[in-house]
Amino acid sequence: MSAKENVAVGQLLELLESRYALRVLWALKDGHPQTFRLLQDSIGSITPNTLNTRIKELRAAGLLGHGGDGYTVTTLGADLLKRLNDLQAFAGKWAVSQTKASAVKKT
C-alpha cells in the first residue's frame, strides 16, 4: 500500500472511530430517509449534540446527505456500507464464539 493510500485509510478510520459515526451510517443502511428525531431513536443513547456533530462530520466527508424527507447515505456512503455488509455476518459468528467461550470459562 502506498503512503497516499495509508493516509486515506487513516483519515477514514479516524472519521469512523468517532463515537457513534458508524452507528449513524448503519441506521441509514436500508436507504430510507430519517429525520433527526427518528435517527436519534434508531441509534439509541446518542445525545442530540453528539448526533448533530456526527451528522456534520459525515456530511462534510460526503457520506451523508439531507433532503426534504431527512438524512440518507450518499452514493459514497452506500458504497462504504456495502463494503461493511459482511460485518453483520461476522458479528453473528463472533457472538456465538463469545457465548461458547463464556460457557467454557464457567465450567
C-alpha atoms as a PDB file:
ATOM      1  CA  MET A   1       0.000   0.000   0.000  1.00  0.00           C
ATOM      2  CA  SER A   2       1.341   3.386  -0.939  1.00  0.00           C
ATOM      3  CA  ALA A   3       1.897   6.203   1.530  1.00  0.00           C
ATOM      4  CA  LYS A   4      -1.004   8.097  -0.065  1.00  0.00           C
ATOM      5  CA  GLU A   5      -3.317   5.104   0.421  1.00  0.00           C
ATOM      6  CA  ASN A   6      -2.173   4.744   4.032  1.00  0.00           C
ATOM      7  CA  VAL A   7      -3.061   8.373   4.674  1.00  0.00           C
ATOM      8  CA  ALA A   8      -6.516   7.914   3.126  1.00  0.00           C
ATOM      9  CA  VAL A   9      -7.181   4.793   5.203  1.00  0.00           C
ATOM     10  CA  GLY A  10      -6.015   6.595   8.335  1.00  0.00           C
ATOM     11  CA  GLN A  11      -8.303   9.552   7.651  1.00  0.00           C
ATOM     12  CA  LEU A  12     -11.309   7.294   7.026  1.00  0.00           C
ATOM     13  CA  LEU A  13     -10.650   5.266  10.161  1.00  0.00           C
ATOM     14  CA  GLU A  14     -10.271   8.440  12.203  1.00  0.00           C
ATOM     15  CA  LEU A  15     -13.699   9.599  11.000  1.00  0.00           C
ATOM     16  CA  LEU A  16     -15.348   6.212  11.596  1.00  0.00           C
ATOM     17  CA  GLU A  17     -13.738   5.813  15.025  1.00  0.00           C
ATOM     18  CA  SER A  18     -15.606   8.897  16.233  1.00  0.00           C
ATOM     19  CA  ARG A  19     -18.209   7.878  18.756  1.00  0.00           C
ATOM     20  CA  TYR A  20     -21.444   6.773  17.034  1.00  0.00           C
ATOM     21  CA  ALA A  21     -20.234   7.577  13.492  1.00  0.00           C
ATOM     22  CA  LEU A  22     -20.670   4.001  12.297  1.00  0.00           C
ATOM     23  CA  ARG A  23     -23.979   3.699  14.115  1.00  0.00           C
ATOM     24  CA  VAL A  24     -25.312   6.754  12.302  1.00  0.00           C
ATOM     25  CA  LEU A  25     -24.370   5.246   8.952  1.00  0.00           C
ATOM     26  CA  TRP A  26     -25.624   1.806   9.951  1.00  0.00           C
ATOM     27  CA  ALA A  27     -29.007   3.227  10.987  1.00  0.00           C
ATOM     28  CA  LEU A  28     -29.402   4.554   7.444  1.00  0.00           C
ATOM     29  CA  LYS A  29     -28.231   1.416   5.622  1.00  0.00           C
ATOM     30  CA  ASP A  30     -31.717   0.467   4.428  1.00  0.00           C
ATOM     31  CA  GLY A  31     -31.738   3.571   2.237  1.00  0.00           C
ATOM     32  CA  HIS A  32     -34.841   5.139   3.786  1.00  0.00           C
ATOM     33  CA  PRO A  33     -34.512   8.785   4.834  1.00  0.00           C
ATOM     34  CA  GLN A  34     -34.754   9.502   8.539  1.00  0.00           C
ATOM     35  CA  THR A  35     -35.467  12.743  10.329  1.00  0.00           C
ATOM     36  CA  PHE A  36     -33.119  13.870  13.093  1.00  0.00           C
ATOM     37  CA  ARG A  37     -35.505  12.561  15.750  1.00  0.00           C
ATOM     38  CA  LEU A  38     -36.052   9.202  14.056  1.00  0.00           C
ATOM     39  CA  LEU A  39     -32.321   8.824  13.536  1.00  0.00           C
ATOM     40  CA  GLN A  40     -31.705   9.596  17.202  1.00  0.00           C
ATOM     41  CA  ASP A  41     -34.308   6.969  18.195  1.00  0.00           C
ATOM     42  CA  SER A  42     -32.774   4.433  15.789  1.00  0.00           C
ATOM     43  CA  ILE A  43     -29.335   4.830  17.333  1.00  0.00           C
ATOM     44  CA  GLY A  44     -30.414   4.811  20.950  1.00  0.00           C
ATOM     45  CA  SER A  45     -28.424   6.541  23.654  1.00  0.00           C
ATOM     46  CA  ILE A  46     -26.855   9.254  21.476  1.00  0.00           C
ATOM     47  CA  THR A  47     -27.301  12.826  22.675  1.00  0.00           C
ATOM     48  CA  PRO A  48     -28.652  15.464  20.277  1.00  0.00           C
ATOM     49  CA  ASN A  49     -25.334  17.339  20.403  1.00  0.00           C
ATOM     50  CA  THR A  50     -23.314  14.254  19.537  1.00  0.00           C
ATOM     51  CA  LEU A  51     -25.695  13.291  16.737  1.00  0.00           C
ATOM     52  CA  ASN A  52     -25.536  16.802  15.324  1.00  0.00           C
ATOM     53  CA  THR A  53     -21.733  16.714  15.386  1.00  0.00           C
ATOM     54  CA  ARG A  54     -21.585  13.297  13.688  1.00  0.00           C
ATOM     55  CA  ILE A  55     -24.065  14.375  11.029  1.00  0.00           C
ATOM     56  CA  LYS A  56     -21.954  17.456  10.260  1.00  0.00           C
ATOM     57  CA  GLU A  57     -18.764  15.363  10.042  1.00  0.00           C
ATOM     58  CA  LEU A  58     -20.348  12.656   7.873  1.00  0.00           C
ATOM     59  CA  ARG A  59     -21.901  15.261   5.578  1.00  0.00           C
ATOM     60  CA  ALA A  60     -18.568  17.065   5.247  1.00  0.00           C
ATOM     61  CA  ALA A  61     -16.969  13.720   4.347  1.00  0.00           C
ATOM     62  CA  GLY A  62     -19.558  13.137   1.628  1.00  0.00           C
ATOM     63  CA  LEU A  63     -21.045  10.033   3.272  1.00  0.00           C
ATOM     64  CA  LEU A  64     -24.346  11.532   4.395  1.00  0.00           C
ATOM     65  CA  GLY A  65     -26.816  13.861   2.762  1.00  0.00           C
ATOM     66  CA  HIS A  66     -30.010  15.642   3.718  1.00  0.00           C
ATOM     67  CA  GLY A  67     -33.104  16.025   1.613  1.00  0.00           C
ATOM     68  CA  GLY A  68     -36.702  17.012   2.177  1.00  0.00           C
ATOM     69  CA  ASP A  69     -37.507  13.666   3.801  1.00  0.00           C
ATOM     70  CA  GLY A  70     -34.492  13.532   6.119  1.00  0.00           C
ATOM     71  CA  TYR A  71     -30.970  12.169   6.232  1.00  0.00           C
ATOM     72  CA  THR A  72     -29.737   9.466   3.854  1.00  0.00           C
ATOM     73  CA  VAL A  73     -26.406   7.982   2.919  1.00  0.00           C
ATOM     74  CA  THR A  74     -24.905   9.295  -0.288  1.00  0.00           C
ATOM     75  CA  THR A  75     -23.722   7.041  -3.093  1.00  0.00           C
ATOM     76  CA  LEU A  76     -20.291   7.098  -1.463  1.00  0.00           C
ATOM     77  CA  GLY A  77     -21.807   6.259   1.925  1.00  0.00           C
ATOM     78  CA  ALA A  78     -23.787   3.389   0.395  1.00  0.00           C
ATOM     79  CA  ASP A  79     -20.569   2.052  -1.151  1.00  0.00           C
ATOM     80  CA  LEU A  80     -18.891   2.096   2.268  1.00  0.00           C
ATOM     81  CA  LEU A  81     -21.855   0.317   3.871  1.00  0.00           C
ATOM     82  CA  LYS A  82     -21.821  -2.293   1.103  1.00  0.00           C
ATOM     83  CA  ARG A  83     -18.191  -2.978   1.922  1.00  0.00           C
ATOM     84  CA  LEU A  84     -19.060  -3.237   5.630  1.00  0.00           C
ATOM     85  CA  ASN A  85     -22.021  -5.541   4.962  1.00  0.00           C
ATOM     86  CA  ASP A  86     -20.023  -8.617   5.961  1.00  0.00           C
ATOM     87  CA  LEU A  87     -19.809  -7.089   9.420  1.00  0.00           C
ATOM     88  CA  GLN A  88     -23.326  -8.309  10.216  1.00  0.00           C
ATOM     89  CA  ALA A  89     -22.494 -11.932   9.326  1.00  0.00           C
ATOM     90  CA  PHE A  90     -19.215 -11.733  11.218  1.00  0.00           C
ATOM     91  CA  ALA A  91     -20.935 -10.230  14.275  1.00  0.00           C
ATOM     92  CA  GLY A  92     -23.258 -13.239  14.442  1.00  0.00           C
ATOM     93  CA  LYS A  93     -20.344 -15.685  14.332  1.00  0.00           C
ATOM     94  CA  TRP A  94     -18.413 -13.636  16.856  1.00  0.00           C
ATOM     95  CA  ALA A  95     -21.355 -13.525  19.284  1.00  0.00           C
ATOM     96  CA  VAL A  96     -21.666 -17.327  19.132  1.00  0.00           C
ATOM     97  CA  SER A  97     -17.939 -17.721  19.798  1.00  0.00           C
ATOM     98  CA  GLN A  98     -18.187 -15.350  22.775  1.00  0.00           C
ATOM     99  CA  THR A  99     -21.086 -17.334  24.204  1.00  0.00           C
ATOM    100  CA  LYS A 100     -19.115 -20.568  23.840  1.00  0.00           C
ATOM    101  CA  ALA A 101     -16.018 -19.009  25.408  1.00  0.00           C
ATOM    102  CA  SER A 102     -18.080 -17.711  28.318  1.00  0.00           C
ATOM    103  CA  ALA A 103     -19.630 -21.150  28.847  1.00  0.00           C
ATOM    104  CA  VAL A 104     -16.182 -22.771  28.900  1.00  0.00           C
ATOM    105  CA  LYS A 105     -14.934 -20.271  31.500  1.00  0.00           C
ATOM    106  CA  LYS A 106     -17.889 -21.043  33.784  1.00  0.00           C
ATOM    107  CA  THR A 107     -17.145 -24.776  33.831  1.00  0.00           C
END
